[in-house]
């Protein structure tokens, strides 16, 4: 069964809806973004989140110390990191029993020490350029960027990821939408 990650969780209302929908993973965005939250907010949200749902921290260039704090406080158990992975980050995350999802836009960026690789189609690459022409890796693959109800089945069939990552397609007017989250989660779990 393919899993689904709903990214950009920001409020207690989001968490209440997430707890009803039961996706496999959720994302707290710590990187600069309209969905960015702070560590204290993330901690409050994690405390209300169903403990069976894995929480992921999304980072772009933050320091290892910032990421370590979220892992140590058990706010997250996976680190979604955009770009080249610093060696001290890999060691720190693994020492704290966390896992690393390395987000790449080019298969030459992939670090063999990452636990997972996420292909990001948000740069206009069209379902992550078919996950770089179905380049199968030793690491399991996540797929993100532009995935919605109308294209998720084909995206999964074409690229065979273990996790589909969605964000804006689960929102209405910039807020998480219970009906959209439920529809996407149900569909992905059937694939």
N, C-alpha and C. Protein backbone atom coordinates (compact mmCIF):
# COMPACT_ATOMS: atom_id res chain seq x y z
N UNK A 1 0.84 -1.19 0.00
CA UNK A 1 0.00 0.00 0.00
C UNK A 1 0.88 1.25 0.00
N UNK A 2 0.56 2.17 -0.88
CA UNK A 2 1.25 3.45 -0.93
C UNK A 2 0.78 4.28 0.26
N UNK A 3 1.71 5.03 0.84
CA UNK A 3 1.38 5.89 1.97
C UNK A 3 1.22 7.33 1.49
N UNK A 4 0.58 8.14 2.34
CA UNK A 4 0.38 9.55 2.01
C UNK A 4 0.89 10.42 3.15
N UNK A 5 1.56 11.50 2.76
CA UNK A 5 2.03 12.51 3.71
C UNK A 5 1.32 13.82 3.36
N UNK A 6 0.66 14.40 4.36
CA UNK A 6 0.02 15.70 4.18
C UNK A 6 0.91 16.74 4.83
N UNK A 7 1.43 17.62 4.03
CA UNK A 7 2.42 18.59 4.50
C UNK A 7 1.76 19.94 4.76
N UNK A 8 2.42 20.74 5.60
CA UNK A 8 1.96 22.10 5.86
C UNK A 8 0.93 22.21 6.97
N UNK A 9 0.98 21.29 7.94
CA UNK A 9 0.06 21.35 9.08
C UNK A 9 0.48 22.52 9.97
N UNK A 10 -0.50 23.41 10.29
CA UNK A 10 -0.15 24.64 11.00
C UNK A 10 -0.97 24.92 12.26
N UNK A 11 -2.17 24.34 12.35
CA UNK A 11 -3.08 24.74 13.43
C UNK A 11 -3.66 23.52 14.15
N UNK A 12 -4.24 23.77 15.30
CA UNK A 12 -4.93 22.70 16.04
C UNK A 12 -6.13 22.19 15.24
N UNK A 13 -6.78 23.07 14.50
CA UNK A 13 -7.90 22.63 13.64
C UNK A 13 -7.38 21.67 12.58
N UNK A 14 -6.20 21.96 12.01
CA UNK A 14 -5.58 21.04 11.05
C UNK A 14 -5.37 19.67 11.69
N UNK A 15 -4.85 19.67 12.91
CA UNK A 15 -4.56 18.41 13.61
C UNK A 15 -5.85 17.65 13.89
N UNK A 16 -6.90 18.35 14.30
CA UNK A 16 -8.19 17.68 14.53
C UNK A 16 -8.65 16.97 13.26
N UNK A 17 -8.54 17.66 12.13
CA UNK A 17 -8.94 17.06 10.85
C UNK A 17 -8.02 15.91 10.47
N UNK A 18 -6.73 16.10 10.66
CA UNK A 18 -5.75 15.05 10.36
C UNK A 18 -6.06 13.79 11.17
N UNK A 19 -6.39 13.96 12.43
CA UNK A 19 -6.71 12.81 13.28
C UNK A 19 -7.92 12.04 12.77
N UNK A 20 -8.85 12.74 12.13
CA UNK A 20 -10.01 12.07 11.51
C UNK A 20 -9.63 11.36 10.22
N UNK A 21 -8.79 12.02 9.42
CA UNK A 21 -8.43 11.53 8.09
C UNK A 21 -7.47 10.34 8.16
N UNK A 22 -6.55 10.36 9.12
CA UNK A 22 -5.56 9.29 9.33
C UNK A 22 -4.59 9.08 8.15
N UNK A 23 -3.90 10.14 7.71
CA UNK A 23 -2.81 9.90 6.75
C UNK A 23 -1.68 9.19 7.48
N UNK A 24 -0.71 8.72 6.75
CA UNK A 24 0.40 7.98 7.36
C UNK A 24 1.43 8.91 7.98
N UNK A 25 1.64 10.07 7.34
CA UNK A 25 2.62 11.04 7.79
C UNK A 25 2.06 12.44 7.61
N UNK A 26 2.60 13.37 8.41
CA UNK A 26 2.29 14.79 8.21
C UNK A 26 3.60 15.57 8.23
N UNK A 27 3.56 16.78 7.70
CA UNK A 27 4.76 17.61 7.67
C UNK A 27 4.57 18.93 8.38
N UNK A 28 5.55 19.25 9.23
CA UNK A 28 5.66 20.58 9.83
C UNK A 28 6.73 21.32 9.04
N UNK A 29 6.39 22.47 8.49
CA UNK A 29 7.33 23.24 7.68
C UNK A 29 8.07 24.23 8.57
N UNK A 30 9.37 23.99 8.74
CA UNK A 30 10.22 24.90 9.51
C UNK A 30 11.00 25.83 8.58
N UNK A 31 10.98 25.54 7.29
CA UNK A 31 11.67 26.37 6.30
C UNK A 31 10.83 27.60 6.01
N UNK A 32 11.47 28.69 5.55
CA UNK A 32 10.70 29.89 5.19
C UNK A 32 9.63 29.55 4.14
N UNK A 33 8.39 29.84 4.46
CA UNK A 33 7.25 29.49 3.61
C UNK A 33 6.01 30.11 4.22
N UNK A 34 4.95 30.21 3.43
CA UNK A 34 3.68 30.69 3.98
C UNK A 34 3.10 29.68 4.97
N UNK A 35 3.62 28.46 4.98
CA UNK A 35 3.16 27.42 5.91
C UNK A 35 4.13 27.22 7.08
N UNK A 36 5.12 28.08 7.19
CA UNK A 36 6.15 27.92 8.23
C UNK A 36 5.56 28.08 9.63
N UNK A 37 6.01 27.20 10.53
CA UNK A 37 5.66 27.31 11.95
C UNK A 37 6.94 27.22 12.77
N UNK A 38 6.85 27.61 14.03
CA UNK A 38 7.99 27.53 14.94
C UNK A 38 7.97 26.23 15.72
N UNK A 39 9.05 25.99 16.42
CA UNK A 39 9.22 24.76 17.19
C UNK A 39 8.16 24.62 18.28
N UNK A 40 7.84 25.72 18.96
CA UNK A 40 6.86 25.67 20.05
C UNK A 40 5.48 25.29 19.51
N UNK A 41 5.08 25.89 18.40
CA UNK A 41 3.80 25.55 17.77
C UNK A 41 3.79 24.09 17.35
N UNK A 42 4.89 23.65 16.73
CA UNK A 42 4.98 22.25 16.28
C UNK A 42 4.85 21.29 17.46
N UNK A 43 5.44 21.66 18.58
CA UNK A 43 5.35 20.80 19.77
C UNK A 43 3.90 20.69 20.25
N UNK A 44 3.19 21.82 20.27
CA UNK A 44 1.78 21.82 20.69
C UNK A 44 0.94 20.97 19.74
N UNK A 45 1.22 21.07 18.44
CA UNK A 45 0.47 20.29 17.46
C UNK A 45 0.78 18.80 17.59
N UNK A 46 2.06 18.48 17.79
CA UNK A 46 2.46 17.07 17.91
C UNK A 46 1.79 16.43 19.12
N UNK A 47 1.65 17.18 20.19
CA UNK A 47 1.02 16.65 21.41
C UNK A 47 -0.43 16.26 21.17
N UNK A 48 -1.10 16.93 20.24
CA UNK A 48 -2.51 16.64 19.94
C UNK A 48 -2.68 15.64 18.80
N UNK A 49 -1.59 15.36 18.10
CA UNK A 49 -1.64 14.47 16.93
C UNK A 49 -1.67 13.01 17.35
N UNK A 50 -2.47 12.22 16.65
CA UNK A 50 -2.50 10.78 16.89
C UNK A 50 -1.06 10.25 16.87
N UNK A 51 -0.63 9.53 17.90
CA UNK A 51 0.76 9.07 17.97
C UNK A 51 1.15 8.09 16.87
N UNK A 52 0.17 7.50 16.19
CA UNK A 52 0.48 6.57 15.09
C UNK A 52 0.87 7.30 13.81
N UNK A 53 0.60 8.59 13.74
CA UNK A 53 0.94 9.37 12.54
C UNK A 53 2.35 9.90 12.69
N UNK A 54 3.19 9.60 11.71
CA UNK A 54 4.60 10.02 11.73
C UNK A 54 4.68 11.50 11.38
N UNK A 55 5.46 12.25 12.16
CA UNK A 55 5.63 13.67 11.85
C UNK A 55 7.03 13.92 11.28
N UNK A 56 7.04 14.75 10.27
CA UNK A 56 8.24 15.05 9.49
C UNK A 56 8.51 16.55 9.59
N UNK A 57 9.76 16.92 9.79
CA UNK A 57 10.16 18.32 9.77
C UNK A 57 10.73 18.67 8.41
N UNK A 58 10.26 19.76 7.82
CA UNK A 58 10.70 20.19 6.50
C UNK A 58 11.69 21.34 6.66
N UNK A 59 12.90 21.15 6.10
CA UNK A 59 13.99 22.10 6.29
C UNK A 59 14.66 22.46 4.97
N UNK A 60 15.04 23.73 4.87
CA UNK A 60 15.85 24.20 3.75
C UNK A 60 16.98 25.03 4.34
N UNK A 61 18.14 24.44 4.52
CA UNK A 61 19.31 25.16 4.97
C UNK A 61 19.40 25.48 6.44
N UNK A 62 18.48 24.99 7.27
CA UNK A 62 18.60 25.24 8.70
C UNK A 62 19.80 24.48 9.26
N UNK A 63 20.24 24.92 10.42
CA UNK A 63 21.42 24.32 11.02
C UNK A 63 21.09 22.96 11.62
N UNK A 64 22.13 22.17 11.78
CA UNK A 64 21.97 20.86 12.42
C UNK A 64 21.42 21.02 13.83
N UNK A 65 21.84 22.07 14.55
CA UNK A 65 21.36 22.31 15.92
C UNK A 65 19.85 22.52 15.95
N UNK A 66 19.31 23.28 14.99
CA UNK A 66 17.86 23.51 14.93
C UNK A 66 17.11 22.21 14.70
N UNK A 67 17.62 21.40 13.81
CA UNK A 67 16.98 20.13 13.48
C UNK A 67 17.09 19.16 14.66
N UNK A 68 18.25 19.17 15.30
CA UNK A 68 18.48 18.29 16.45
C UNK A 68 17.46 18.58 17.56
N UNK A 69 17.15 19.85 17.79
CA UNK A 69 16.21 20.22 18.85
C UNK A 69 14.83 19.59 18.60
N UNK A 70 14.37 19.60 17.36
CA UNK A 70 13.06 19.02 17.05
C UNK A 70 13.06 17.50 17.23
N UNK A 71 14.17 16.87 16.91
CA UNK A 71 14.29 15.42 17.10
C UNK A 71 14.36 15.06 18.59
N UNK A 72 15.17 15.81 19.33
CA UNK A 72 15.33 15.53 20.76
C UNK A 72 14.02 15.70 21.53
N UNK A 73 13.21 16.68 21.11
CA UNK A 73 11.92 16.91 21.77
C UNK A 73 10.83 15.99 21.24
N UNK A 74 11.20 15.09 20.34
CA UNK A 74 10.29 14.11 19.74
C UNK A 74 9.10 14.77 19.04
N UNK A 75 9.35 15.95 18.48
CA UNK A 75 8.34 16.63 17.68
C UNK A 75 8.28 15.98 16.31
N UNK A 76 9.42 15.54 15.82
CA UNK A 76 9.52 14.87 14.52
C UNK A 76 10.35 13.60 14.68
N UNK A 77 10.17 12.70 13.72
CA UNK A 77 11.03 11.51 13.68
C UNK A 77 11.69 11.36 12.30
N UNK A 78 11.26 12.19 11.35
CA UNK A 78 11.90 12.22 10.04
C UNK A 78 12.24 13.66 9.68
N UNK A 79 13.36 13.80 8.98
CA UNK A 79 13.84 15.11 8.53
C UNK A 79 13.78 15.14 7.01
N UNK A 80 12.98 16.05 6.47
CA UNK A 80 12.90 16.25 5.02
C UNK A 80 13.79 17.44 4.69
N UNK A 81 14.92 17.16 4.03
CA UNK A 81 15.94 18.19 3.83
C UNK A 81 16.14 18.43 2.35
N UNK A 82 16.05 19.69 1.97
CA UNK A 82 16.22 20.07 0.56
C UNK A 82 17.69 20.32 0.26
N UNK A 83 18.20 19.63 -0.76
CA UNK A 83 19.56 19.89 -1.22
C UNK A 83 20.60 18.96 -0.65
N UNK A 84 21.85 19.41 -0.77
CA UNK A 84 22.99 18.62 -0.32
C UNK A 84 22.97 18.43 1.19
N UNK A 85 23.11 17.20 1.61
CA UNK A 85 23.06 16.89 3.05
C UNK A 85 24.42 17.12 3.71
N UNK A 86 24.48 17.95 4.75
CA UNK A 86 25.72 18.09 5.51
C UNK A 86 26.03 16.78 6.26
N UNK A 87 27.29 16.39 6.28
CA UNK A 87 27.68 15.12 6.92
C UNK A 87 27.31 15.10 8.40
N UNK A 88 27.47 16.24 9.11
CA UNK A 88 27.13 16.24 10.53
C UNK A 88 25.63 16.06 10.76
N UNK A 89 24.82 16.49 9.79
CA UNK A 89 23.37 16.33 9.91
C UNK A 89 23.01 14.84 9.81
N UNK A 90 23.57 14.16 8.86
CA UNK A 90 23.28 12.73 8.68
C UNK A 90 23.59 11.97 9.96
N UNK A 91 24.77 12.21 10.50
CA UNK A 91 25.20 11.50 11.71
C UNK A 91 24.30 11.86 12.90
N UNK A 92 23.98 13.14 13.05
CA UNK A 92 23.14 13.59 14.17
C UNK A 92 21.76 12.96 14.11
N UNK A 93 21.14 13.00 12.93
CA UNK A 93 19.78 12.44 12.78
C UNK A 93 19.79 10.94 13.09
N UNK A 94 20.75 10.24 12.55
CA UNK A 94 20.80 8.79 12.78
C UNK A 94 21.13 8.46 14.24
N UNK A 95 21.95 9.27 14.88
CA UNK A 95 22.26 9.04 16.31
C UNK A 95 21.02 9.22 17.19
N UNK A 96 20.07 10.03 16.72
CA UNK A 96 18.83 10.27 17.47
C UNK A 96 17.68 9.38 16.97
N UNK A 97 18.04 8.33 16.26
CA UNK A 97 17.07 7.36 15.72
C UNK A 97 16.07 7.98 14.75
N UNK A 98 16.48 9.07 14.13
CA UNK A 98 15.64 9.69 13.12
C UNK A 98 16.01 9.18 11.73
N UNK A 99 15.20 9.58 10.76
CA UNK A 99 15.44 9.20 9.38
C UNK A 99 15.49 10.46 8.52
N UNK A 100 16.25 10.36 7.43
CA UNK A 100 16.42 11.51 6.54
C UNK A 100 15.77 11.23 5.19
N UNK A 101 14.94 12.19 4.78
CA UNK A 101 14.39 12.21 3.43
C UNK A 101 15.14 13.32 2.70
N UNK A 102 15.96 12.95 1.73
CA UNK A 102 16.68 13.96 0.97
C UNK A 102 15.84 14.35 -0.24
N UNK A 103 15.52 15.64 -0.35
CA UNK A 103 14.73 16.13 -1.47
C UNK A 103 15.68 16.57 -2.57
N UNK A 104 15.49 16.02 -3.76
CA UNK A 104 16.39 16.30 -4.88
C UNK A 104 15.60 16.69 -6.11
N UNK A 105 16.24 17.44 -6.98
CA UNK A 105 15.67 17.74 -8.28
C UNK A 105 16.53 17.14 -9.39
N UNK A 106 17.65 16.53 -9.01
CA UNK A 106 18.55 15.90 -9.96
C UNK A 106 19.11 14.64 -9.30
N UNK A 107 19.09 13.53 -10.01
CA UNK A 107 19.54 12.27 -9.39
C UNK A 107 21.01 12.29 -9.00
N UNK A 108 21.79 13.22 -9.55
CA UNK A 108 23.21 13.32 -9.18
C UNK A 108 23.41 13.92 -7.79
N UNK A 109 22.34 14.48 -7.20
CA UNK A 109 22.43 15.07 -5.86
C UNK A 109 22.28 14.04 -4.74
N UNK A 110 21.87 12.83 -5.08
CA UNK A 110 21.47 11.85 -4.08
C UNK A 110 22.66 11.39 -3.23
N UNK A 111 22.44 11.43 -1.91
CA UNK A 111 23.43 10.96 -0.95
C UNK A 111 23.04 9.54 -0.53
N UNK A 112 23.95 8.61 -0.66
CA UNK A 112 23.67 7.20 -0.35
C UNK A 112 23.31 6.99 1.12
N UNK A 113 23.66 7.93 2.00
CA UNK A 113 23.35 7.78 3.42
C UNK A 113 21.95 8.27 3.79
N UNK A 114 21.24 8.85 2.85
CA UNK A 114 19.85 9.24 3.11
C UNK A 114 19.00 7.97 3.22
N UNK A 115 18.01 8.01 4.10
CA UNK A 115 17.12 6.86 4.25
C UNK A 115 16.10 6.78 3.12
N UNK A 116 15.68 7.96 2.65
CA UNK A 116 14.70 8.04 1.57
C UNK A 116 15.12 9.17 0.64
N UNK A 117 14.65 9.10 -0.60
CA UNK A 117 14.85 10.16 -1.57
C UNK A 117 13.48 10.65 -2.01
N UNK A 118 13.30 11.97 -1.97
CA UNK A 118 12.05 12.57 -2.46
C UNK A 118 12.33 13.29 -3.77
N UNK A 119 11.60 12.93 -4.80
CA UNK A 119 11.68 13.63 -6.07
C UNK A 119 10.66 14.76 -6.03
N UNK A 120 11.11 15.98 -6.26
CA UNK A 120 10.26 17.15 -6.16
C UNK A 120 9.90 17.64 -7.55
N UNK A 121 8.62 17.55 -7.90
CA UNK A 121 8.16 17.99 -9.21
C UNK A 121 7.73 19.45 -9.23
N UNK A 122 7.88 20.16 -8.12
CA UNK A 122 7.36 21.52 -8.04
C UNK A 122 8.12 22.51 -8.91
N UNK A 123 9.24 22.12 -9.45
CA UNK A 123 10.02 23.00 -10.32
C UNK A 123 9.59 22.86 -11.78
N UNK A 124 8.36 22.40 -12.00
CA UNK A 124 7.85 22.29 -13.36
C UNK A 124 8.37 21.07 -14.10
N UNK A 125 8.74 20.04 -13.38
CA UNK A 125 9.34 18.87 -14.03
C UNK A 125 8.29 17.81 -14.37
N UNK A 126 7.04 18.01 -14.04
CA UNK A 126 6.01 17.05 -14.42
C UNK A 126 6.17 15.70 -13.76
N UNK A 127 5.47 15.48 -12.68
CA UNK A 127 5.57 14.26 -11.85
C UNK A 127 7.03 13.87 -11.72
N UNK A 128 7.80 14.84 -11.27
CA UNK A 128 9.24 14.67 -11.00
C UNK A 128 9.94 14.03 -12.18
N UNK A 129 9.60 14.54 -13.37
CA UNK A 129 10.21 14.02 -14.60
C UNK A 129 10.20 12.50 -14.59
N UNK A 130 8.97 11.97 -14.34
CA UNK A 130 8.76 10.52 -14.24
C UNK A 130 9.76 9.91 -13.27
N UNK A 131 9.96 10.61 -12.13
CA UNK A 131 10.91 10.18 -11.10
C UNK A 131 12.26 9.87 -11.75
N UNK A 132 12.69 10.89 -12.50
CA UNK A 132 13.97 10.80 -13.22
C UNK A 132 14.03 9.53 -14.06
N UNK A 133 13.02 9.42 -14.91
CA UNK A 133 12.93 8.30 -15.83
C UNK A 133 12.99 6.97 -15.09
N UNK A 134 12.16 6.89 -14.04
CA UNK A 134 12.04 5.67 -13.24
C UNK A 134 13.39 5.15 -12.76
N UNK A 135 14.24 6.07 -12.36
CA UNK A 135 15.57 5.70 -11.83
C UNK A 135 15.37 5.08 -10.46
N UNK A 136 15.37 3.77 -10.40
CA UNK A 136 15.14 3.09 -9.11
C UNK A 136 16.43 3.07 -8.31
N UNK A 137 16.28 3.34 -7.05
CA UNK A 137 17.41 3.56 -6.16
C UNK A 137 17.44 2.52 -5.07
N UNK A 138 18.53 2.55 -4.32
CA UNK A 138 18.57 1.69 -3.14
C UNK A 138 17.66 2.23 -2.05
N UNK A 139 17.44 3.57 -2.04
CA UNK A 139 16.55 4.17 -1.06
C UNK A 139 15.11 4.17 -1.58
N UNK A 140 14.15 3.94 -0.68
CA UNK A 140 12.74 4.08 -1.10
C UNK A 140 12.45 5.53 -1.50
N UNK A 141 11.48 5.71 -2.37
CA UNK A 141 11.21 7.01 -2.95
C UNK A 141 9.91 7.64 -2.44
N UNK A 142 9.99 8.94 -2.20
CA UNK A 142 8.82 9.79 -1.94
C UNK A 142 8.62 10.62 -3.20
N UNK A 143 7.38 11.00 -3.47
CA UNK A 143 7.09 11.82 -4.64
C UNK A 143 6.27 13.02 -4.21
N UNK A 144 6.67 14.22 -4.63
CA UNK A 144 5.95 15.44 -4.27
C UNK A 144 5.88 16.40 -5.44
N UNK A 145 4.98 17.37 -5.31
CA UNK A 145 4.91 18.46 -6.27
C UNK A 145 3.76 18.31 -7.25
N UNK A 146 2.70 19.05 -7.03
CA UNK A 146 1.61 19.10 -8.00
C UNK A 146 0.72 17.87 -8.02
N UNK A 147 0.77 17.06 -7.00
CA UNK A 147 -0.03 15.84 -6.98
C UNK A 147 -1.42 16.15 -6.41
N UNK A 148 -2.45 15.68 -7.12
CA UNK A 148 -3.83 15.93 -6.70
C UNK A 148 -4.71 14.74 -7.05
N UNK A 149 -6.01 14.87 -6.82
CA UNK A 149 -6.94 13.77 -7.07
C UNK A 149 -6.93 13.29 -8.52
N UNK A 150 -6.72 14.21 -9.44
CA UNK A 150 -6.82 13.84 -10.86
C UNK A 150 -5.56 13.16 -11.40
N UNK A 151 -4.41 13.36 -10.77
CA UNK A 151 -3.18 12.77 -11.33
C UNK A 151 -2.47 11.78 -10.40
N UNK A 152 -2.97 11.59 -9.19
CA UNK A 152 -2.23 10.76 -8.23
C UNK A 152 -2.15 9.30 -8.67
N UNK A 153 -3.22 8.76 -9.24
CA UNK A 153 -3.19 7.35 -9.65
C UNK A 153 -2.14 7.11 -10.72
N UNK A 154 -2.09 8.00 -11.72
CA UNK A 154 -1.08 7.85 -12.77
C UNK A 154 0.33 8.08 -12.22
N UNK A 155 0.46 9.05 -11.31
CA UNK A 155 1.78 9.32 -10.73
C UNK A 155 2.31 8.10 -9.99
N UNK A 156 1.44 7.44 -9.24
CA UNK A 156 1.86 6.25 -8.48
C UNK A 156 2.19 5.11 -9.44
N UNK A 157 1.36 4.93 -10.45
CA UNK A 157 1.59 3.85 -11.42
C UNK A 157 2.91 4.06 -12.16
N UNK A 158 3.19 5.30 -12.53
CA UNK A 158 4.37 5.63 -13.32
C UNK A 158 5.66 5.57 -12.51
N UNK A 159 5.62 6.08 -11.28
CA UNK A 159 6.87 6.24 -10.53
C UNK A 159 7.04 5.25 -9.38
N UNK A 160 5.95 4.61 -8.96
CA UNK A 160 5.97 3.60 -7.89
C UNK A 160 6.66 4.08 -6.61
N UNK A 161 6.25 5.23 -6.07
CA UNK A 161 6.82 5.70 -4.80
C UNK A 161 6.25 4.90 -3.64
N UNK A 162 6.90 4.99 -2.49
CA UNK A 162 6.31 4.40 -1.28
C UNK A 162 5.44 5.41 -0.57
N UNK A 163 5.72 6.72 -0.79
CA UNK A 163 4.94 7.79 -0.16
C UNK A 163 4.66 8.88 -1.19
N UNK A 164 3.40 9.34 -1.20
CA UNK A 164 3.00 10.49 -1.99
C UNK A 164 2.85 11.66 -1.02
N UNK A 165 3.49 12.78 -1.34
CA UNK A 165 3.50 13.96 -0.48
C UNK A 165 2.64 15.05 -1.11
N UNK A 166 1.61 15.49 -0.38
CA UNK A 166 0.70 16.51 -0.90
C UNK A 166 0.61 17.67 0.08
N UNK A 167 0.26 18.83 -0.44
CA UNK A 167 0.07 19.99 0.43
C UNK A 167 -1.05 20.86 -0.10
N UNK A 168 -0.79 21.67 -1.12
CA UNK A 168 -1.80 22.63 -1.59
C UNK A 168 -3.06 21.95 -2.12
N UNK A 169 -2.94 20.73 -2.63
CA UNK A 169 -4.13 20.04 -3.15
C UNK A 169 -5.07 19.58 -2.03
N UNK A 170 -4.66 19.76 -0.78
CA UNK A 170 -5.52 19.42 0.36
C UNK A 170 -6.05 20.68 1.05
N UNK A 171 -5.98 21.81 0.34
CA UNK A 171 -6.37 23.09 0.94
C UNK A 171 -7.45 23.79 0.13
N UNK A 172 -8.21 24.62 0.82
CA UNK A 172 -9.15 25.55 0.21
C UNK A 172 -8.86 26.91 0.83
N UNK A 173 -8.59 27.89 -0.01
CA UNK A 173 -8.26 29.25 0.45
C UNK A 173 -7.12 29.25 1.46
N UNK A 174 -6.10 28.41 1.24
CA UNK A 174 -4.91 28.40 2.09
C UNK A 174 -5.05 27.65 3.40
N UNK A 175 -6.17 26.96 3.59
CA UNK A 175 -6.40 26.22 4.84
C UNK A 175 -6.68 24.75 4.51
N UNK A 176 -6.21 23.87 5.38
CA UNK A 176 -6.45 22.44 5.19
C UNK A 176 -7.96 22.18 5.15
N UNK A 177 -8.36 21.37 4.19
CA UNK A 177 -9.76 21.10 3.93
C UNK A 177 -10.02 19.62 4.24
N UNK A 178 -10.88 19.36 5.21
CA UNK A 178 -11.16 17.99 5.65
C UNK A 178 -11.60 17.10 4.49
N UNK A 179 -12.49 17.58 3.65
CA UNK A 179 -13.02 16.77 2.56
C UNK A 179 -11.92 16.44 1.54
N UNK A 180 -11.11 17.43 1.19
CA UNK A 180 -10.02 17.18 0.23
C UNK A 180 -8.97 16.24 0.80
N UNK A 181 -8.64 16.42 2.08
CA UNK A 181 -7.65 15.53 2.71
C UNK A 181 -8.17 14.10 2.75
N UNK A 182 -9.45 13.95 3.11
CA UNK A 182 -10.03 12.61 3.20
C UNK A 182 -10.07 11.94 1.83
N UNK A 183 -10.47 12.67 0.81
CA UNK A 183 -10.58 12.10 -0.54
C UNK A 183 -9.21 11.63 -1.05
N UNK A 184 -8.20 12.46 -0.88
CA UNK A 184 -6.86 12.08 -1.35
C UNK A 184 -6.29 10.91 -0.55
N UNK A 185 -6.49 10.94 0.76
CA UNK A 185 -5.97 9.87 1.61
C UNK A 185 -6.64 8.55 1.25
N UNK A 186 -7.95 8.57 1.10
CA UNK A 186 -8.67 7.34 0.75
C UNK A 186 -8.20 6.80 -0.61
N UNK A 187 -8.04 7.68 -1.58
CA UNK A 187 -7.62 7.25 -2.92
C UNK A 187 -6.21 6.65 -2.88
N UNK A 188 -5.29 7.35 -2.22
CA UNK A 188 -3.91 6.85 -2.16
C UNK A 188 -3.86 5.49 -1.46
N UNK A 189 -4.61 5.32 -0.41
CA UNK A 189 -4.60 4.05 0.33
C UNK A 189 -5.19 2.90 -0.49
N UNK A 190 -5.92 3.22 -1.56
CA UNK A 190 -6.45 2.17 -2.44
C UNK A 190 -5.47 1.79 -3.54
N UNK A 191 -4.44 2.59 -3.75
CA UNK A 191 -3.50 2.34 -4.85
C UNK A 191 -2.49 1.25 -4.52
